[in-house]
Amino acid sequence: MTLIKSISGIRGTIGGPAGQGLTPLDVVKYAAAYGTWVLNQKTASKLIVIGRDARLSGEMVSRLVAATLQGLGLDVLDLGLSTTPTVELVVPARQAAGGIILTASHNPKQWNALKLLNAQGEFISDSDGQQVLALADNEGFDFAPVTKLGSYATDDTTLTAHIDAILALPLVDVDAIRAQNFRVVVDAVNSTGGIAVPQLLTALGVETIEKLHCEPTGDFAHNPEPLPENLRDIAKVLEKGGFDLGIVVDPDVDRLALVSE
């Protein structure tokens, strides 16, 4: 079992004794530390945005985080299955006080993590991270009384809004892309890229999309870090010909590999 505490977040393998892996007790402790840090900022907003990749432990971890934040009196907007860039965009768009991305990024499926964002949708700073870790060590949490518990809401429209924002960028020429009739293979390693990348390609006018490991089951078909040694499946498809491009993303869609024929 492994638990790694750093200023950028808390990550570890699921299970084992408390304090030695990312157990439910550890999830609650560090979510409470982050929530307390947010409250200490005295921001006007008490909204926290959360989103997760599709890994097997994600739903459990998400429920623990949401309930802990509500218990502190913070309001939670749960994006459900999402991507790291999407959560980062939604935090400032909704004028939230912060956000938590539940993903261990390119780590294998037994890992998960809490990645902590500030009100700008950026990863918290070194000094802020040290404050969160100190709060966790001291367990200096003051939970809300029953009349001041936070609210909980979901929103499954943010990925579409993110794609719309991409299409609106001046450098994105949808007509030019559509005219090329690109044929694309997508390997999303059984996580949320299997939702996001094909949806983006379709919006860009790509009609031929071969989906490889795009079911968001969280049971990763191969090592999720998009390095050459982990791209054998998509390489085999591209070697057969008939496609212009291969796109590979990691579980939370913040790492990208483009593979040529």
C-alpha atoms as a PDB file:
ATOM      1  CA  MET A   1       0.000   0.000   0.000  1.00  0.00           C
ATOM      2  CA  THR A   2       1.171   3.529  -0.772  1.00  0.00           C
ATOM      3  CA  LEU A   3       0.045   7.004   0.326  1.00  0.00           C
ATOM      4  CA  ILE A   4       1.908  10.023  -1.043  1.00  0.00           C
ATOM      5  CA  LYS A   5       1.193  13.450   0.444  1.00  0.00           C
ATOM      6  CA  SER A   6       2.349  16.468  -1.518  1.00  0.00           C
ATOM      7  CA  ILE A   7       1.371  20.071  -2.143  1.00  0.00           C
ATOM      8  CA  SER A   8      -0.276  19.103  -5.440  1.00  0.00           C
ATOM      9  CA  GLY A   9      -2.623  16.626  -3.800  1.00  0.00           C
ATOM     10  CA  ILE A  10      -2.943  13.279  -2.126  1.00  0.00           C
ATOM     11  CA  ARG A  11      -2.494  10.059  -4.067  1.00  0.00           C
ATOM     12  CA  GLY A  12      -2.229   6.454  -3.135  1.00  0.00           C
ATOM     13  CA  THR A  13      -3.303   2.915  -3.752  1.00  0.00           C
ATOM     14  CA  ILE A  14      -6.795   1.968  -2.667  1.00  0.00           C
ATOM     15  CA  GLY A  15      -7.135  -0.122   0.484  1.00  0.00           C
ATOM     16  CA  GLY A  16      -4.941  -1.224   3.369  1.00  0.00           C
ATOM     17  CA  PRO A  17      -4.572   0.254   6.845  1.00  0.00           C
ATOM     18  CA  ALA A  18      -5.462   3.904   7.350  1.00  0.00           C
ATOM     19  CA  GLY A  19      -2.462   6.124   6.721  1.00  0.00           C
ATOM     20  CA  GLN A  20      -0.741   3.544   4.546  1.00  0.00           C
ATOM     21  CA  GLY A  21      -3.004   3.671   1.492  1.00  0.00           C
ATOM     22  CA  LEU A  22      -5.789   5.851   0.152  1.00  0.00           C
ATOM     23  CA  THR A  23      -8.450   4.464   2.476  1.00  0.00           C
ATOM     24  CA  PRO A  24     -11.874   6.032   3.108  1.00  0.00           C
ATOM     25  CA  LEU A  25     -10.503   7.550   6.326  1.00  0.00           C
ATOM     26  CA  ASP A  26      -7.645   9.176   4.427  1.00  0.00           C
ATOM     27  CA  VAL A  27      -9.992  10.501   1.737  1.00  0.00           C
ATOM     28  CA  VAL A  28     -12.206  12.115   4.377  1.00  0.00           C
ATOM     29  CA  LYS A  29      -9.252  13.573   6.291  1.00  0.00           C
ATOM     30  CA  TYR A  30      -7.653  15.261   3.315  1.00  0.00           C
ATOM     31  CA  ALA A  31     -10.966  16.399   1.838  1.00  0.00           C
ATOM     32  CA  ALA A  32     -11.764  17.959   5.225  1.00  0.00           C
ATOM     33  CA  ALA A  33      -8.338  19.612   5.340  1.00  0.00           C
ATOM     34  CA  TYR A  34      -8.835  21.104   1.892  1.00  0.00           C
ATOM     35  CA  GLY A  35     -12.379  22.220   2.717  1.00  0.00           C
ATOM     36  CA  THR A  36     -11.165  23.857   5.918  1.00  0.00           C
ATOM     37  CA  TRP A  37      -8.426  25.633   3.966  1.00  0.00           C
ATOM     38  CA  VAL A  38     -11.076  26.953   1.547  1.00  0.00           C
ATOM     39  CA  LEU A  39     -13.203  28.231   4.426  1.00  0.00           C
ATOM     40  CA  ASN A  40     -10.146  29.945   5.901  1.00  0.00           C
ATOM     41  CA  GLN A  41      -9.793  31.957   2.679  1.00  0.00           C
ATOM     42  CA  LYS A  42     -13.066  33.751   3.540  1.00  0.00           C
ATOM     43  CA  THR A  43     -14.148  33.792  -0.108  1.00  0.00           C
ATOM     44  CA  ALA A  44     -17.635  34.954  -1.053  1.00  0.00           C
ATOM     45  CA  SER A  45     -18.331  31.632  -2.723  1.00  0.00           C
ATOM     46  CA  LYS A  46     -18.677  28.362  -0.851  1.00  0.00           C
ATOM     47  CA  LEU A  47     -18.982  26.279  -4.007  1.00  0.00           C
ATOM     48  CA  ILE A  48     -16.531  23.439  -4.709  1.00  0.00           C
ATOM     49  CA  VAL A  49     -16.493  21.716  -8.102  1.00  0.00           C
ATOM     50  CA  ILE A  50     -15.596  18.027  -8.195  1.00  0.00           C
ATOM     51  CA  GLY A  51     -15.128  15.680 -11.130  1.00  0.00           C
ATOM     52  CA  ARG A  52     -13.532  12.295 -11.675  1.00  0.00           C
ATOM     53  CA  ASP A  53     -12.066   9.942 -14.202  1.00  0.00           C
ATOM     54  CA  ALA A  54     -13.539   6.471 -14.691  1.00  0.00           C
ATOM     55  CA  ARG A  55     -11.205   4.432 -12.511  1.00  0.00           C
ATOM     56  CA  LEU A  56     -12.824   1.699 -10.436  1.00  0.00           C
ATOM     57  CA  SER A  57     -12.594   3.521  -7.096  1.00  0.00           C
ATOM     58  CA  GLY A  58     -13.792   6.847  -8.467  1.00  0.00           C
ATOM     59  CA  GLU A  59     -17.446   6.690  -7.503  1.00  0.00           C
ATOM     60  CA  MET A  60     -16.644   5.658  -3.924  1.00  0.00           C
ATOM     61  CA  VAL A  61     -14.021   8.374  -3.513  1.00  0.00           C
ATOM     62  CA  SER A  62     -16.336  10.968  -5.055  1.00  0.00           C
ATOM     63  CA  ARG A  63     -19.137  10.194  -2.601  1.00  0.00           C
ATOM     64  CA  LEU A  64     -16.744  10.455   0.343  1.00  0.00           C
ATOM     65  CA  VAL A  65     -15.349  13.790  -0.839  1.00  0.00           C
ATOM     66  CA  ALA A  66     -18.758  15.309  -1.571  1.00  0.00           C
ATOM     67  CA  ALA A  67     -20.224  14.307   1.791  1.00  0.00           C
ATOM     68  CA  THR A  68     -17.186  15.607   3.669  1.00  0.00           C
ATOM     69  CA  LEU A  69     -17.354  18.990   1.962  1.00  0.00           C
ATOM     70  CA  GLN A  70     -21.083  19.235   2.634  1.00  0.00           C
ATOM     71  CA  GLY A  71     -20.384  18.387   6.259  1.00  0.00           C
ATOM     72  CA  LEU A  72     -18.162  21.448   6.449  1.00  0.00           C
ATOM     73  CA  GLY A  73     -20.947  23.654   5.086  1.00  0.00           C
ATOM     74  CA  LEU A  74     -19.569  23.856   1.547  1.00  0.00           C
ATOM     75  CA  ASP A  75     -21.749  23.481  -1.537  1.00  0.00           C
ATOM     76  CA  VAL A  76     -20.738  20.790  -4.030  1.00  0.00           C
ATOM     77  CA  LEU A  77     -21.183  20.780  -7.803  1.00  0.00           C
ATOM     78  CA  ASP A  78     -20.463  17.251  -9.010  1.00  0.00           C
ATOM     79  CA  LEU A  79     -19.569  16.933 -12.701  1.00  0.00           C
ATOM     80  CA  GLY A  80     -19.416  13.137 -12.473  1.00  0.00           C
ATOM     81  CA  LEU A  81     -17.280  11.548 -15.192  1.00  0.00           C
ATOM     82  CA  SER A  82     -15.185  14.420 -16.478  1.00  0.00           C
ATOM     83  CA  THR A  83     -11.670  15.470 -17.472  1.00  0.00           C
ATOM     84  CA  THR A  84      -9.025  17.432 -15.617  1.00  0.00           C
ATOM     85  CA  PRO A  85      -9.116  20.348 -18.112  1.00  0.00           C
ATOM     86  CA  THR A  86     -12.920  20.490 -17.880  1.00  0.00           C
ATOM     87  CA  VAL A  87     -12.926  20.786 -14.091  1.00  0.00           C
ATOM     88  CA  GLU A  88     -10.208  23.433 -14.315  1.00  0.00           C
ATOM     89  CA  LEU A  89     -12.391  25.483 -16.669  1.00  0.00           C
ATOM     90  CA  VAL A  90     -15.611  25.069 -14.690  1.00  0.00           C
ATOM     91  CA  VAL A  91     -14.172  26.345 -11.386  1.00  0.00           C
ATOM     92  CA  PRO A  92     -13.680  29.977 -12.528  1.00  0.00           C
ATOM     93  CA  ALA A  93     -16.648  29.818 -14.911  1.00  0.00           C
ATOM     94  CA  ARG A  94     -18.969  29.098 -11.963  1.00  0.00           C
ATOM     95  CA  GLN A  95     -17.064  31.462  -9.651  1.00  0.00           C
ATOM     96  CA  ALA A  96     -16.368  28.550  -7.332  1.00  0.00           C
ATOM     97  CA  ALA A  97     -14.059  28.729  -4.333  1.00  0.00           C
ATOM     98  CA  GLY A  98     -12.064  25.758  -5.603  1.00  0.00           C
ATOM     99  CA  GLY A  99     -12.212  22.281  -7.021  1.00  0.00           C
ATOM    100  CA  ILE A 100     -11.082  18.712  -6.486  1.00  0.00           C
ATOM    101  CA  ILE A 101     -10.234  16.413  -9.372  1.00  0.00           C
ATOM    102  CA  LEU A 102     -10.450  12.755  -8.428  1.00  0.00           C
ATOM    103  CA  THR A 103      -7.853  11.061 -10.584  1.00  0.00           C
ATOM    104  CA  ALA A 104      -4.436   9.475 -10.327  1.00  0.00           C
ATOM    105  CA  SER A 105      -3.773  10.679 -13.871  1.00  0.00           C
ATOM    106  CA  HIS A 106      -1.510   8.221 -15.721  1.00  0.00           C
ATOM    107  CA  ASN A 107      -1.068   5.871 -12.735  1.00  0.00           C
ATOM    108  CA  PRO A 108      -2.488   2.308 -12.888  1.00  0.00           C
ATOM    109  CA  LYS A 109      -6.038   1.464 -11.854  1.00  0.00           C
ATOM    110  CA  GLN A 110      -5.256   0.614  -8.213  1.00  0.00           C
ATOM    111  CA  TRP A 111      -4.314   4.271  -7.658  1.00  0.00           C
ATOM    112  CA  ASN A 112      -6.498   7.301  -7.068  1.00  0.00           C
ATOM    113  CA  ALA A 113      -5.888  10.840  -5.895  1.00  0.00           C
ATOM    114  CA  LEU A 114      -7.338  14.158  -4.830  1.00  0.00           C
ATOM    115  CA  LYS A 115      -5.940  16.985  -6.972  1.00  0.00           C
ATOM    116  CA  LEU A 116      -6.649  20.337  -5.369  1.00  0.00           C
ATOM    117  CA  LEU A 117      -7.546  23.542  -7.227  1.00  0.00           C
ATOM    118  CA  ASN A 118      -7.821  27.167  -6.152  1.00  0.00           C
ATOM    119  CA  ALA A 119     -10.530  29.620  -7.214  1.00  0.00           C
ATOM    120  CA  GLN A 120      -8.753  30.254 -10.527  1.00  0.00           C
ATOM    121  CA  GLY A 121      -8.982  26.586 -11.463  1.00  0.00           C
ATOM    122  CA  GLU A 122      -5.223  26.197 -10.989  1.00  0.00           C
ATOM    123  CA  PHE A 123      -3.401  23.727  -8.766  1.00  0.00           C
ATOM    124  CA  ILE A 124      -2.900  25.242  -5.327  1.00  0.00           C
ATOM    125  CA  SER A 125       0.472  26.836  -4.592  1.00  0.00           C
ATOM    126  CA  ASP A 126       3.296  25.417  -2.497  1.00  0.00           C
ATOM    127  CA  SER A 127       2.392  27.542   0.517  1.00  0.00           C
ATOM    128  CA  ASP A 128      -1.308  26.719   0.212  1.00  0.00           C
ATOM    129  CA  GLY A 129      -0.494  23.029  -0.087  1.00  0.00           C
ATOM    130  CA  GLN A 130       1.591  23.181   3.072  1.00  0.00           C
ATOM    131  CA  GLN A 131      -1.382  24.706   4.891  1.00  0.00           C
ATOM    132  CA  VAL A 132      -3.653  21.880   3.718  1.00  0.00           C
ATOM    133  CA  LEU A 133      -1.157  19.242   4.868  1.00  0.00           C
ATOM    134  CA  ALA A 134      -0.798  20.946   8.258  1.00  0.00           C
ATOM    135  CA  LEU A 135      -4.573  21.023   8.715  1.00  0.00           C
ATOM    136  CA  ALA A 136      -4.710  17.320   7.905  1.00  0.00           C
ATOM    137  CA  ASP A 137      -1.937  16.501  10.379  1.00  0.00           C
ATOM    138  CA  ASN A 138      -3.621  18.499  13.152  1.00  0.00           C
ATOM    139  CA  GLU A 139      -7.134  17.380  12.188  1.00  0.00           C
ATOM    140  CA  GLY A 140      -8.252  20.933  12.855  1.00  0.00           C
ATOM    141  CA  PHE A 141     -11.710  20.535  11.366  1.00  0.00           C
ATOM    142  CA  ASP A 142     -14.893  22.246  12.553  1.00  0.00           C
ATOM    143  CA  PHE A 143     -17.913  20.642  10.897  1.00  0.00           C
ATOM    144  CA  ALA A 144     -21.165  22.499  10.325  1.00  0.00           C
ATOM    145  CA  PRO A 145     -24.323  22.057  12.421  1.00  0.00           C
ATOM    146  CA  VAL A 146     -27.314  20.428  10.765  1.00  0.00           C
ATOM    147  CA  THR A 147     -28.868  23.758   9.784  1.00  0.00           C
ATOM    148  CA  LYS A 148     -25.750  24.847   7.870  1.00  0.00           C
ATOM    149  CA  LEU A 149     -24.818  21.752   5.888  1.00  0.00           C
ATOM    150  CA  GLY A 150     -23.768  22.350   2.293  1.00  0.00           C
ATOM    151  CA  SER A 151     -25.845  21.563  -0.774  1.00  0.00           C
ATOM    152  CA  TYR A 152     -25.174  18.986  -3.487  1.00  0.00           C
ATOM    153  CA  ALA A 153     -25.920  19.323  -7.196  1.00  0.00           C
ATOM    154  CA  THR A 154     -24.842  17.580 -10.383  1.00  0.00           C
ATOM    155  CA  ASP A 155     -24.178  18.920 -13.877  1.00  0.00           C
ATOM    156  CA  ASP A 156     -23.620  16.699 -16.907  1.00  0.00           C
ATOM    157  CA  THR A 157     -23.482  19.561 -19.435  1.00  0.00           C
ATOM    158  CA  THR A 158     -19.988  20.881 -18.751  1.00  0.00           C
ATOM    159  CA  LEU A 159     -18.137  18.637 -21.200  1.00  0.00           C
ATOM    160  CA  THR A 160     -20.347  19.910 -24.016  1.00  0.00           C
ATOM    161  CA  ALA A 161     -19.727  23.487 -22.852  1.00  0.00           C
ATOM    162  CA  HIS A 162     -15.984  22.791 -22.845  1.00  0.00           C
ATOM    163  CA  ILE A 163     -16.146  21.507 -26.426  1.00  0.00           C
ATOM    164  CA  ASP A 164     -18.171  24.557 -27.472  1.00  0.00           C
ATOM    165  CA  ALA A 165     -15.423  26.755 -26.004  1.00  0.00           C
ATOM    166  CA  ILE A 166     -12.818  24.871 -28.047  1.00  0.00           C
ATOM    167  CA  LEU A 167     -14.837  25.315 -31.237  1.00  0.00           C
ATOM    168  CA  ALA A 168     -15.047  29.052 -30.551  1.00  0.00           C
ATOM    169  CA  LEU A 169     -11.258  29.479 -30.481  1.00  0.00           C
ATOM    170  CA  PRO A 170     -10.012  31.661 -33.380  1.00  0.00           C
ATOM    171  CA  LEU A 171      -7.471  29.063 -34.540  1.00  0.00           C
ATOM    172  CA  VAL A 172     -10.041  26.256 -34.812  1.00  0.00           C
ATOM    173  CA  ASP A 173     -11.412  26.041 -38.366  1.00  0.00           C
ATOM    174  CA  VAL A 174     -14.154  23.419 -38.261  1.00  0.00           C
ATOM    175  CA  ASP A 175     -14.948  23.723 -41.965  1.00  0.00           C
ATOM    176  CA  ALA A 176     -11.319  23.103 -42.926  1.00  0.00           C
ATOM    177  CA  ILE A 177     -11.120  20.062 -40.652  1.00  0.00           C
ATOM    178  CA  ARG A 178     -14.404  18.649 -41.949  1.00  0.00           C
ATOM    179  CA  ALA A 179     -13.247  19.070 -45.557  1.00  0.00           C
ATOM    180  CA  GLN A 180     -10.267  16.782 -44.962  1.00  0.00           C
ATOM    181  CA  ASN A 181     -12.473  13.760 -44.144  1.00  0.00           C
ATOM    182  CA  PHE A 182     -10.004  12.636 -41.516  1.00  0.00           C
ATOM    183  CA  ARG A 183     -10.144   9.044 -40.292  1.00  0.00           C
ATOM    184  CA  VAL A 184      -9.058   8.806 -36.666  1.00  0.00           C
ATOM    185  CA  VAL A 185      -8.409   6.022 -34.150  1.00  0.00           C
ATOM    186  CA  VAL A 186      -8.913   6.887 -30.463  1.00  0.00           C
ATOM    187  CA  ASP A 187      -7.447   4.913 -27.538  1.00  0.00           C
ATOM    188  CA  ALA A 188      -8.906   6.279 -24.295  1.00  0.00           C
ATOM    189  CA  VAL A 189      -7.676   3.475 -21.998  1.00  0.00           C
ATOM    190  CA  ASN A 190     -11.208   2.797 -20.706  1.00  0.00           C
ATOM    191  CA  SER A 191     -11.694   6.172 -19.052  1.00  0.00           C
ATOM    192  CA  THR A 192     -13.385   9.496 -19.650  1.00  0.00           C
ATOM    193  CA  GLY A 193     -11.420  10.275 -22.791  1.00  0.00           C
ATOM    194  CA  GLY A 194     -13.643   7.649 -24.388  1.00  0.00           C
ATOM    195  CA  ILE A 195     -16.498  10.107 -23.921  1.00  0.00           C
ATOM    196  CA  ALA A 196     -14.684  13.406 -24.482  1.00  0.00           C
ATOM    197  CA  VAL A 197     -12.404  12.744 -27.457  1.00  0.00           C
ATOM    198  CA  PRO A 198     -14.965  11.153 -29.830  1.00  0.00           C
ATOM    199  CA  GLN A 199     -17.467  13.883 -28.907  1.00  0.00           C
ATOM    200  CA  LEU A 200     -14.881  16.552 -29.740  1.00  0.00           C
ATOM    201  CA  LEU A 201     -13.928  14.870 -33.022  1.00  0.00           C
ATOM    202  CA  THR A 202     -17.574  14.622 -34.049  1.00  0.00           C
ATOM    203  CA  ALA A 203     -18.043  18.321 -33.298  1.00  0.00           C
ATOM    204  CA  LEU A 204     -15.014  19.010 -35.507  1.00  0.00           C
ATOM    205  CA  GLY A 205     -16.655  17.209 -38.410  1.00  0.00           C
ATOM    206  CA  VAL A 206     -14.715  13.944 -38.213  1.00  0.00           C
ATOM    207  CA  GLU A 207     -17.071  11.180 -39.331  1.00  0.00           C
ATOM    208  CA  THR A 208     -14.790   8.118 -39.292  1.00  0.00           C
ATOM    209  CA  ILE A 209     -13.779   7.376 -35.696  1.00  0.00           C
ATOM    210  CA  GLU A 210     -12.454   3.980 -34.633  1.00  0.00           C
ATOM    211  CA  LYS A 211     -12.906   3.635 -30.873  1.00  0.00           C
ATOM    212  CA  LEU A 212     -10.312   1.534 -29.059  1.00  0.00           C
ATOM    213  CA  HIS A 213     -10.716   0.996 -25.305  1.00  0.00           C
ATOM    214  CA  CYS A 214     -13.264   3.835 -25.181  1.00  0.00           C
ATOM    215  CA  GLU A 215     -15.776   2.229 -22.808  1.00  0.00           C
ATOM    216  CA  PRO A 216     -15.326   4.145 -19.511  1.00  0.00           C
ATOM    217  CA  THR A 217     -15.193   1.036 -17.313  1.00  0.00           C
ATOM    218  CA  GLY A 218     -12.085   2.067 -15.378  1.00  0.00           C
ATOM    219  CA  ASP A 219     -10.589  -1.366 -15.979  1.00  0.00           C
ATOM    220  CA  PHE A 220      -7.654  -0.070 -17.999  1.00  0.00           C
ATOM    221  CA  ALA A 221      -6.739  -2.270 -20.966  1.00  0.00           C
ATOM    222  CA  HIS A 222      -3.050  -1.365 -20.668  1.00  0.00           C
ATOM    223  CA  ASN A 223      -0.698   0.854 -18.689  1.00  0.00           C
ATOM    224  CA  PRO A 224      -2.443   4.238 -18.944  1.00  0.00           C
ATOM    225  CA  GLU A 225       0.620   6.427 -19.421  1.00  0.00           C
ATOM    226  CA  PRO A 226       0.737   7.282 -23.156  1.00  0.00           C
ATOM    227  CA  LEU A 227       4.342   6.219 -23.759  1.00  0.00           C
ATOM    228  CA  PRO A 228       5.491   4.329 -26.886  1.00  0.00           C
ATOM    229  CA  GLU A 229       5.714   0.992 -25.068  1.00  0.00           C
ATOM    230  CA  ASN A 230       2.042   1.321 -24.034  1.00  0.00           C
ATOM    231  CA  LEU A 231       0.708   2.165 -27.500  1.00  0.00           C
ATOM    232  CA  ARG A 232       0.978  -1.250 -29.131  1.00  0.00           C
ATOM    233  CA  ASP A 233      -2.790  -1.712 -29.538  1.00  0.00           C
ATOM    234  CA  ILE A 234      -3.326   1.495 -31.488  1.00  0.00           C
ATOM    235  CA  ALA A 235      -0.108   0.935 -33.445  1.00  0.00           C
ATOM    236  CA  LYS A 236      -1.461  -2.394 -34.704  1.00  0.00           C
ATOM    237  CA  VAL A 237      -4.645  -0.722 -35.944  1.00  0.00           C
ATOM    238  CA  LEU A 238      -2.727   2.068 -37.677  1.00  0.00           C
ATOM    239  CA  GLU A 239      -0.316  -0.365 -39.314  1.00  0.00           C
ATOM    240  CA  LYS A 240      -3.224  -1.921 -41.201  1.00  0.00           C
ATOM    241  CA  GLY A 241      -3.775   1.398 -42.965  1.00  0.00           C
ATOM    242  CA  GLY A 242      -6.940   3.348 -43.665  1.00  0.00           C
ATOM    243  CA  PHE A 243      -6.490   5.942 -40.924  1.00  0.00           C
ATOM    244  CA  ASP A 244      -4.860   9.366 -40.856  1.00  0.00           C
ATOM    245  CA  LEU A 245      -4.182   9.735 -37.151  1.00  0.00           C
ATOM    246  CA  GLY A 246      -4.198   7.987 -33.795  1.00  0.00           C
ATOM    247  CA  ILE A 247      -5.083   9.838 -30.597  1.00  0.00           C
ATOM    248  CA  VAL A 248      -4.207   8.442 -27.175  1.00  0.00           C
ATOM    249  CA  VAL A 249      -5.076  10.076 -23.854  1.00  0.00           C
ATOM    250  CA  ASP A 250      -4.521   9.125 -20.240  1.00  0.00           C
ATOM    251  CA  PRO A 251      -7.443   8.490 -17.834  1.00  0.00           C
ATOM    252  CA  ASP A 252      -8.129  12.142 -16.964  1.00  0.00           C
ATOM    253  CA  VAL A 253      -7.290  13.491 -20.441  1.00  0.00           C
ATOM    254  CA  ASP A 254      -4.448  15.801 -19.457  1.00  0.00           C
ATOM    255  CA  ARG A 255      -1.837  13.795 -21.388  1.00  0.00           C
ATOM    256  CA  LEU A 256      -1.988  13.327 -25.129  1.00  0.00           C
ATOM    257  CA  ALA A 257      -0.071  11.292 -27.687  1.00  0.00           C
ATOM    258  CA  LEU A 258      -0.577  11.680 -31.439  1.00  0.00           C
ATOM    259  CA  VAL A 259       0.365   8.615 -33.483  1.00  0.00           C
ATOM    260  CA  SER A 260       0.946   8.728 -37.231  1.00  0.00           C
ATOM    261  CA  GLU A 261       0.357   5.906 -39.692  1.00  0.00           C
END
